[in-house]
Amino acid sequence: MSRYDEFQSFRASLNEKILAQGTMQTKRFFTLDTKTYEAGALDAKTKELLGLSASMVLRCDDCIAYHIDQAVKAGASDQELWETFDIALVVGGSIVIPHLRRAVAFLEECRAR
């Protein structure tokens, strides 16, 4: 199973468990997270790219994968993704480089679909 498939399967399975067993606060947070990335003054693609940059700086590989997937689905071009990667590198510094490597590998899997 590819990293992309593993990520999607793991995320869907665990989110289902969390939402079935979680408290009202957990469910509200998940709803807030979903609503935050919907189009508003900023379109959904821009919000996903912002989330991607923040996730890279915070070094969260699951979040990076999620935002790459969502940005691709929202129509982000490779140039837009690479500029987002650049922002994360400038803000986060060299510690972001290992996450950039995994981000590029994940993007390649997304594009292969």
Protein backbone atom coordinates (compact mmCIF):
# COMPACT_ATOMS: atom_id res chain seq x y z
CA MET A 1 0.00 0.00 0.00
CA SER A 2 1.35 3.44 -0.91
CA ARG A 3 1.93 6.15 1.67
CA TYR A 4 -0.98 8.03 0.13
CA ASP A 5 -3.34 5.06 0.56
CA GLU A 6 -2.06 4.33 4.07
CA PHE A 7 -2.57 7.96 5.07
CA GLN A 8 -6.12 8.09 3.70
CA SER A 9 -7.11 4.77 5.27
CA PHE A 10 -5.60 5.54 8.68
CA ARG A 11 -7.10 9.03 8.78
CA ALA A 12 -10.60 7.90 7.79
CA SER A 13 -10.59 4.96 10.20
CA LEU A 14 -9.36 6.92 13.21
CA ASN A 15 -11.51 9.97 12.52
CA GLU A 16 -14.54 7.68 12.50
CA LYS A 17 -13.55 6.26 15.90
CA ILE A 18 -12.79 9.70 17.33
CA LEU A 19 -16.10 11.16 16.21
CA ALA A 20 -18.01 8.12 17.49
CA GLN A 21 -16.37 8.16 20.92
CA GLY A 22 -15.25 11.77 21.35
CA THR A 23 -16.77 14.40 23.56
CA MET A 24 -18.86 17.31 22.34
CA GLN A 25 -15.73 19.49 22.54
CA THR A 26 -13.84 17.09 20.26
CA LYS A 27 -16.68 17.09 17.74
CA ARG A 28 -16.95 20.88 17.87
CA PHE A 29 -13.22 21.24 17.23
CA PHE A 30 -13.43 18.91 14.21
CA THR A 31 -16.37 20.96 12.89
CA LEU A 32 -14.49 24.23 13.47
CA ASP A 33 -11.48 22.83 11.62
CA THR A 34 -13.64 21.79 8.66
CA LYS A 35 -15.51 25.11 8.51
CA THR A 36 -12.30 27.15 8.75
CA TYR A 37 -11.04 25.79 5.42
CA GLU A 38 -14.27 26.50 3.52
CA ALA A 39 -14.29 29.40 1.06
CA GLY A 40 -14.98 32.81 2.54
CA ALA A 41 -13.06 36.04 1.95
CA LEU A 42 -10.23 33.65 0.99
CA ASP A 43 -10.93 30.81 -1.40
CA ALA A 44 -10.52 27.21 -0.20
CA LYS A 45 -7.32 26.66 -2.21
CA THR A 46 -5.61 29.66 -0.61
CA LYS A 47 -6.67 28.48 2.85
CA GLU A 48 -5.21 25.02 2.18
CA LEU A 49 -1.94 26.57 1.04
CA LEU A 50 -1.84 28.65 4.22
CA GLY A 51 -2.51 25.52 6.26
CA LEU A 52 0.26 23.72 4.36
CA SER A 53 2.81 26.45 5.07
CA ALA A 54 1.90 26.55 8.78
CA SER A 55 2.03 22.75 8.99
CA MET A 56 5.48 22.65 7.45
CA VAL A 57 6.79 25.25 9.89
CA LEU A 58 5.18 23.32 12.77
CA ARG A 59 6.69 20.10 11.32
CA CYS A 60 3.51 18.02 11.30
CA ASP A 61 3.84 15.43 8.52
CA ASP A 62 0.21 14.27 8.79
CA CYS A 63 -0.99 17.86 8.48
CA ILE A 64 1.37 18.47 5.57
CA ALA A 65 0.01 15.42 3.74
CA TYR A 66 -3.58 16.44 4.44
CA HIS A 67 -3.11 20.01 3.18
CA ILE A 68 -1.22 18.88 0.07
CA ASP A 69 -4.06 16.48 -0.75
CA GLN A 70 -6.70 19.15 -0.15
CA ALA A 71 -4.77 21.81 -2.08
CA VAL A 72 -4.38 19.46 -5.05
CA LYS A 73 -8.10 18.66 -4.93
CA ALA A 74 -8.81 22.43 -4.80
CA GLY A 75 -6.79 22.92 -8.00
CA ALA A 76 -3.42 24.10 -6.71
CA SER A 77 -0.72 24.03 -9.34
CA ASP A 78 2.76 22.69 -8.72
CA GLN A 79 4.05 26.28 -8.94
CA GLU A 80 1.63 27.37 -6.19
CA LEU A 81 2.67 24.43 -4.01
CA TRP A 82 6.38 25.11 -4.56
CA GLU A 83 5.94 28.77 -3.64
CA THR A 84 4.15 27.63 -0.49
CA PHE A 85 7.05 25.28 0.27
CA ASP A 86 9.43 28.25 -0.19
CA ILE A 87 7.50 30.37 2.30
CA ALA A 88 7.65 27.55 4.84
CA LEU A 89 11.41 27.22 4.30
CA VAL A 90 12.01 30.93 4.78
CA VAL A 91 9.82 31.13 7.88
CA GLY A 92 10.84 27.81 9.42
CA GLY A 93 14.47 27.54 8.35
CA SER A 94 16.51 24.46 7.56
CA ILE A 95 14.61 22.32 10.09
CA VAL A 96 11.80 22.28 7.49
CA ILE A 97 13.96 20.51 4.87
CA PRO A 98 13.22 16.90 6.02
CA HIS A 99 9.49 17.75 5.94
CA LEU A 100 9.91 19.29 2.50
CA ARG A 101 11.36 15.99 1.28
CA ARG A 102 8.34 14.06 2.57
CA ALA A 103 6.00 16.74 1.20
CA VAL A 104 7.48 16.42 -2.30
CA ALA A 105 7.21 12.62 -2.16
CA PHE A 106 3.58 12.89 -1.04
CA LEU A 107 2.81 15.45 -3.75
CA GLU A 108 4.21 13.06 -6.36
CA GLU A 109 1.84 10.36 -5.09
CA CYS A 110 -1.09 12.80 -5.20
CA ARG A 111 -0.29 13.79 -8.77
CA ALA A 112 0.04 10.13 -9.77
CA ARG A 113 -3.63 9.66 -8.90
